[in-house]
Amino acid sequence: MDRARFDDYVARFNAEDATAFDDYLSPDVRVQNGGLHYAGVQGMKDHYGRIWGTFRETLDVQRYVADAHSAAVHLKTHFEALHDAEDTPFGPVRRGECFDYDGIVFYEIDGSGRFSDIKVSYLSFTRTGTDGQQRSLGLAH
C-alpha cells in the first residue's frame, strides 16, 4: 500500500468516517489491540462506535514503511473526552480528559490491497486529567 492511500485511510479515520473500514479492511479482518481482540469490519465499527461518540480521536503518523504485503506505522493517537461518560473503553471519563497512545501498528495486506490483520503494540499510554496531572496507564486494554 502506498503512502498516499494510507494517508487517505488516516484522513477518513480522523474524520470519523466509518465507511473507510468498508473500503480499507478485509471483511474478515482480525484485530489485536493490546489484550483486546475483535474481528470483521463490523467488529471494527462497533469498537470505534464506542469511542467516537465520547472522544475526539486524532491519529498522527510518525513513520510509515510498507511493501506489497504489509505496513508498519509508528503512530501517536490523541483522545479528548467530549463529555462526561461512565462507560468507555478507558473507564469513566470527564469532559476534557485526554489519553495519548504512542506505539507501533502492524498491518498485513491481502491480495485486494485491504488490511487483513492489524496488531497494535504499546510503547506508552497516558491519561491527563482535567487538573493537568498525567499518569501512565501501561496497557490500556
C-alpha atoms as a PDB file:
ATOM      1  CA  MET A   1       0.000   0.000   0.000  1.00  0.00           C
ATOM      2  CA  ASP A   2       1.496   3.322  -0.975  1.00  0.00           C
ATOM      3  CA  ARG A   3       1.683   6.217   1.448  1.00  0.00           C
ATOM      4  CA  ALA A   4      -0.966   8.306  -0.330  1.00  0.00           C
ATOM      5  CA  ARG A   5      -3.526   5.502   0.004  1.00  0.00           C
ATOM      6  CA  PHE A   6      -2.643   5.005   3.670  1.00  0.00           C
ATOM      7  CA  ASP A   7      -2.900   8.756   4.277  1.00  0.00           C
ATOM      8  CA  ASP A   8      -6.406   8.683   2.772  1.00  0.00           C
ATOM      9  CA  TYR A   9      -7.364   5.961   5.251  1.00  0.00           C
ATOM     10  CA  VAL A  10      -5.979   8.028   8.153  1.00  0.00           C
ATOM     11  CA  ALA A  11      -7.736  11.206   6.972  1.00  0.00           C
ATOM     12  CA  ARG A  12     -11.049   9.378   6.758  1.00  0.00           C
ATOM     13  CA  PHE A  13     -10.448   7.759  10.149  1.00  0.00           C
ATOM     14  CA  ASN A  14      -9.701  11.166  11.688  1.00  0.00           C
ATOM     15  CA  ALA A  15     -12.942  12.465  10.131  1.00  0.00           C
ATOM     16  CA  GLU A  16     -14.769   9.569  11.882  1.00  0.00           C
ATOM     17  CA  ASP A  17     -15.829   8.196   8.502  1.00  0.00           C
ATOM     18  CA  ALA A  18     -16.729   4.580   9.291  1.00  0.00           C
ATOM     19  CA  THR A  19     -17.064   3.818   5.553  1.00  0.00           C
ATOM     20  CA  ALA A  20     -13.252   3.860   5.484  1.00  0.00           C
ATOM     21  CA  PHE A  21     -13.452   0.475   7.231  1.00  0.00           C
ATOM     22  CA  ASP A  22     -15.545  -0.885   4.337  1.00  0.00           C
ATOM     23  CA  ASP A  23     -13.001   0.398   1.816  1.00  0.00           C
ATOM     24  CA  TYR A  24      -9.737  -0.449   3.603  1.00  0.00           C
ATOM     25  CA  LEU A  25     -10.427  -3.544   5.709  1.00  0.00           C
ATOM     26  CA  SER A  26     -10.824  -7.106   4.559  1.00  0.00           C
ATOM     27  CA  PRO A  27     -14.337  -8.295   5.501  1.00  0.00           C
ATOM     28  CA  ASP A  28     -12.834 -10.811   7.947  1.00  0.00           C
ATOM     29  CA  VAL A  29     -10.047  -8.597   9.311  1.00  0.00           C
ATOM     30  CA  ARG A  30      -8.554  -9.696  12.623  1.00  0.00           C
ATOM     31  CA  VAL A  31      -7.510  -7.037  15.137  1.00  0.00           C
ATOM     32  CA  GLN A  32      -5.400  -7.385  18.273  1.00  0.00           C
ATOM     33  CA  ASN A  33      -5.204  -4.126  20.205  1.00  0.00           C
ATOM     34  CA  GLY A  34      -3.143  -4.963  23.270  1.00  0.00           C
ATOM     35  CA  GLY A  35      -5.275  -7.556  25.071  1.00  0.00           C
ATOM     36  CA  LEU A  36      -8.420  -6.614  23.142  1.00  0.00           C
ATOM     37  CA  HIS A  37      -9.391  -8.763  20.149  1.00  0.00           C
ATOM     38  CA  TYR A  38     -12.141  -8.184  17.608  1.00  0.00           C
ATOM     39  CA  ALA A  39     -12.867  -9.390  14.102  1.00  0.00           C
ATOM     40  CA  GLY A  40     -14.506  -8.234  10.891  1.00  0.00           C
ATOM     41  CA  VAL A  41     -15.456  -4.845   9.592  1.00  0.00           C
ATOM     42  CA  GLN A  42     -18.474  -4.773  11.913  1.00  0.00           C
ATOM     43  CA  GLY A  43     -16.232  -5.538  14.891  1.00  0.00           C
ATOM     44  CA  MET A  44     -14.111  -2.509  13.983  1.00  0.00           C
ATOM     45  CA  LYS A  45     -17.205  -0.324  13.566  1.00  0.00           C
ATOM     46  CA  ASP A  46     -18.578  -1.500  16.916  1.00  0.00           C
ATOM     47  CA  HIS A  47     -15.281  -0.755  18.682  1.00  0.00           C
ATOM     48  CA  TYR A  48     -14.940   2.749  17.263  1.00  0.00           C
ATOM     49  CA  GLY A  49     -18.639   3.415  17.736  1.00  0.00           C
ATOM     50  CA  ARG A  50     -17.907   3.256  21.483  1.00  0.00           C
ATOM     51  CA  ILE A  51     -15.009   5.690  21.133  1.00  0.00           C
ATOM     52  CA  TRP A  52     -16.166   8.250  18.566  1.00  0.00           C
ATOM     53  CA  GLY A  53     -19.336   9.131  20.446  1.00  0.00           C
ATOM     54  CA  THR A  54     -17.363  10.164  23.519  1.00  0.00           C
ATOM     55  CA  PHE A  55     -13.904  11.184  22.269  1.00  0.00           C
ATOM     56  CA  ARG A  56     -12.345  13.216  19.512  1.00  0.00           C
ATOM     57  CA  GLU A  57      -9.628  10.851  18.308  1.00  0.00           C
ATOM     58  CA  THR A  58      -6.752  12.009  16.118  1.00  0.00           C
ATOM     59  CA  LEU A  59      -4.146   9.745  14.521  1.00  0.00           C
ATOM     60  CA  ASP A  60      -0.719  11.233  13.780  1.00  0.00           C
ATOM     61  CA  VAL A  61       1.576   9.040  11.678  1.00  0.00           C
ATOM     62  CA  GLN A  62       5.197   9.461  12.767  1.00  0.00           C
ATOM     63  CA  ARG A  63       6.716   6.939  10.343  1.00  0.00           C
ATOM     64  CA  TYR A  64       5.314   4.664   7.650  1.00  0.00           C
ATOM     65  CA  VAL A  65       7.035   1.736   5.940  1.00  0.00           C
ATOM     66  CA  ALA A  66       5.358  -0.749   3.630  1.00  0.00           C
ATOM     67  CA  ASP A  67       5.688  -3.333   0.919  1.00  0.00           C
ATOM     68  CA  ALA A  68       3.064  -5.169  -1.129  1.00  0.00           C
ATOM     69  CA  HIS A  69       2.026  -7.426   1.768  1.00  0.00           C
ATOM     70  CA  SER A  70       2.436  -5.386   4.935  1.00  0.00           C
ATOM     71  CA  ALA A  71       2.808  -1.973   6.509  1.00  0.00           C
ATOM     72  CA  ALA A  72       4.227  -0.786   9.815  1.00  0.00           C
ATOM     73  CA  VAL A  73       3.434   2.563  11.355  1.00  0.00           C
ATOM     74  CA  HIS A  74       4.824   4.435  14.322  1.00  0.00           C
ATOM     75  CA  LEU A  75       1.628   6.121  15.440  1.00  0.00           C
ATOM     76  CA  LYS A  76       0.653   8.670  18.041  1.00  0.00           C
ATOM     77  CA  THR A  77      -3.033   8.956  18.844  1.00  0.00           C
ATOM     78  CA  HIS A  78      -4.709  11.634  20.938  1.00  0.00           C
ATOM     79  CA  PHE A  79      -8.137  11.139  22.524  1.00  0.00           C
ATOM     80  CA  GLU A  80     -10.021  14.024  24.147  1.00  0.00           C
ATOM     81  CA  ALA A  81     -13.212  13.362  26.098  1.00  0.00           C
ATOM     82  CA  LEU A  82     -16.021  15.473  24.662  1.00  0.00           C
ATOM     83  CA  HIS A  83     -18.328  14.966  27.654  1.00  0.00           C
ATOM     84  CA  ASP A  84     -18.540  13.072  30.924  1.00  0.00           C
ATOM     85  CA  ALA A  85     -19.195   9.374  30.388  1.00  0.00           C
ATOM     86  CA  GLU A  86     -19.258   6.379  32.698  1.00  0.00           C
ATOM     87  CA  ASP A  87     -18.930   3.503  30.205  1.00  0.00           C
ATOM     88  CA  THR A  88     -15.987   3.936  27.820  1.00  0.00           C
ATOM     89  CA  PRO A  89     -13.156   1.630  26.738  1.00  0.00           C
ATOM     90  CA  PHE A  90     -10.995   3.629  29.203  1.00  0.00           C
ATOM     91  CA  GLY A  91     -13.479   3.502  32.083  1.00  0.00           C
ATOM     92  CA  PRO A  92     -15.307   6.571  33.435  1.00  0.00           C
ATOM     93  CA  VAL A  93     -14.075   9.875  31.964  1.00  0.00           C
ATOM     94  CA  ARG A  94     -14.699  13.562  32.494  1.00  0.00           C
ATOM     95  CA  ARG A  95     -15.015  16.153  29.756  1.00  0.00           C
ATOM     96  CA  GLY A  96     -11.578  17.470  28.801  1.00  0.00           C
ATOM     97  CA  GLU A  97      -9.606  14.454  29.985  1.00  0.00           C
ATOM     98  CA  CYS A  98      -7.053  13.300  27.410  1.00  0.00           C
ATOM     99  CA  PHE A  99      -5.458   9.978  26.570  1.00  0.00           C
ATOM    100  CA  ASP A 100      -2.327   9.633  24.445  1.00  0.00           C
ATOM    101  CA  TYR A 101      -1.142   6.463  22.731  1.00  0.00           C
ATOM    102  CA  ASP A 102       2.351   6.037  21.295  1.00  0.00           C
ATOM    103  CA  GLY A 103       3.095   2.753  19.596  1.00  0.00           C
ATOM    104  CA  ILE A 104       3.612   0.585  16.563  1.00  0.00           C
ATOM    105  CA  VAL A 105       0.791  -0.772  14.424  1.00  0.00           C
ATOM    106  CA  PHE A 106       1.495  -3.641  12.028  1.00  0.00           C
ATOM    107  CA  TYR A 107      -0.865  -4.290   9.139  1.00  0.00           C
ATOM    108  CA  GLU A 108      -0.983  -7.372   6.909  1.00  0.00           C
ATOM    109  CA  ILE A 109      -2.360  -6.519   3.468  1.00  0.00           C
ATOM    110  CA  ASP A 110      -4.343  -9.031   1.427  1.00  0.00           C
ATOM    111  CA  GLY A 111      -4.397  -9.508  -2.354  1.00  0.00           C
ATOM    112  CA  SER A 112      -7.113  -6.871  -2.775  1.00  0.00           C
ATOM    113  CA  GLY A 113      -4.973  -4.228  -1.017  1.00  0.00           C
ATOM    114  CA  ARG A 114      -7.007  -4.248   2.203  1.00  0.00           C
ATOM    115  CA  PHE A 115      -5.889  -4.776   5.788  1.00  0.00           C
ATOM    116  CA  SER A 116      -6.454  -8.408   6.759  1.00  0.00           C
ATOM    117  CA  ASP A 117      -4.709  -8.400  10.144  1.00  0.00           C
ATOM    118  CA  ILE A 118      -3.909  -5.468  12.453  1.00  0.00           C
ATOM    119  CA  LYS A 119      -1.709  -5.692  15.540  1.00  0.00           C
ATOM    120  CA  VAL A 120      -1.424  -2.712  17.897  1.00  0.00           C
ATOM    121  CA  SER A 121       1.506  -2.590  20.307  1.00  0.00           C
ATOM    122  CA  TYR A 122       2.032  -0.026  23.036  1.00  0.00           C
ATOM    123  CA  LEU A 123       5.163   1.985  23.768  1.00  0.00           C
ATOM    124  CA  SER A 124       3.247   4.252  26.130  1.00  0.00           C
ATOM    125  CA  PHE A 125      -0.300   5.194  27.012  1.00  0.00           C
ATOM    126  CA  THR A 126      -1.065   8.128  29.290  1.00  0.00           C
ATOM    127  CA  ARG A 127      -4.097   9.805  30.804  1.00  0.00           C
ATOM    128  CA  THR A 128      -4.115  13.530  31.524  1.00  0.00           C
ATOM    129  CA  GLY A 129      -6.817  14.586  33.963  1.00  0.00           C
ATOM    130  CA  THR A 130      -8.679  17.868  33.912  1.00  0.00           C
ATOM    131  CA  ASP A 131      -6.235  19.016  36.612  1.00  0.00           C
ATOM    132  CA  GLY A 132      -3.328  18.603  34.165  1.00  0.00           C
ATOM    133  CA  GLN A 133      -1.851  15.625  36.012  1.00  0.00           C
ATOM    134  CA  GLN A 134      -0.524  12.983  33.618  1.00  0.00           C
ATOM    135  CA  ARG A 135      -0.292   9.301  34.566  1.00  0.00           C
ATOM    136  CA  SER A 136       0.940   6.293  32.679  1.00  0.00           C
ATOM    137  CA  LEU A 137      -1.724   3.665  32.113  1.00  0.00           C
ATOM    138  CA  GLY A 138       0.529   0.916  30.827  1.00  0.00           C
ATOM    139  CA  LEU A 139      -1.501  -1.315  28.533  1.00  0.00           C
ATOM    140  CA  ALA A 140      -4.954   0.209  28.078  1.00  0.00           C
ATOM    141  CA  HIS A 141      -6.832  -2.942  27.048  1.00  0.00           C
END
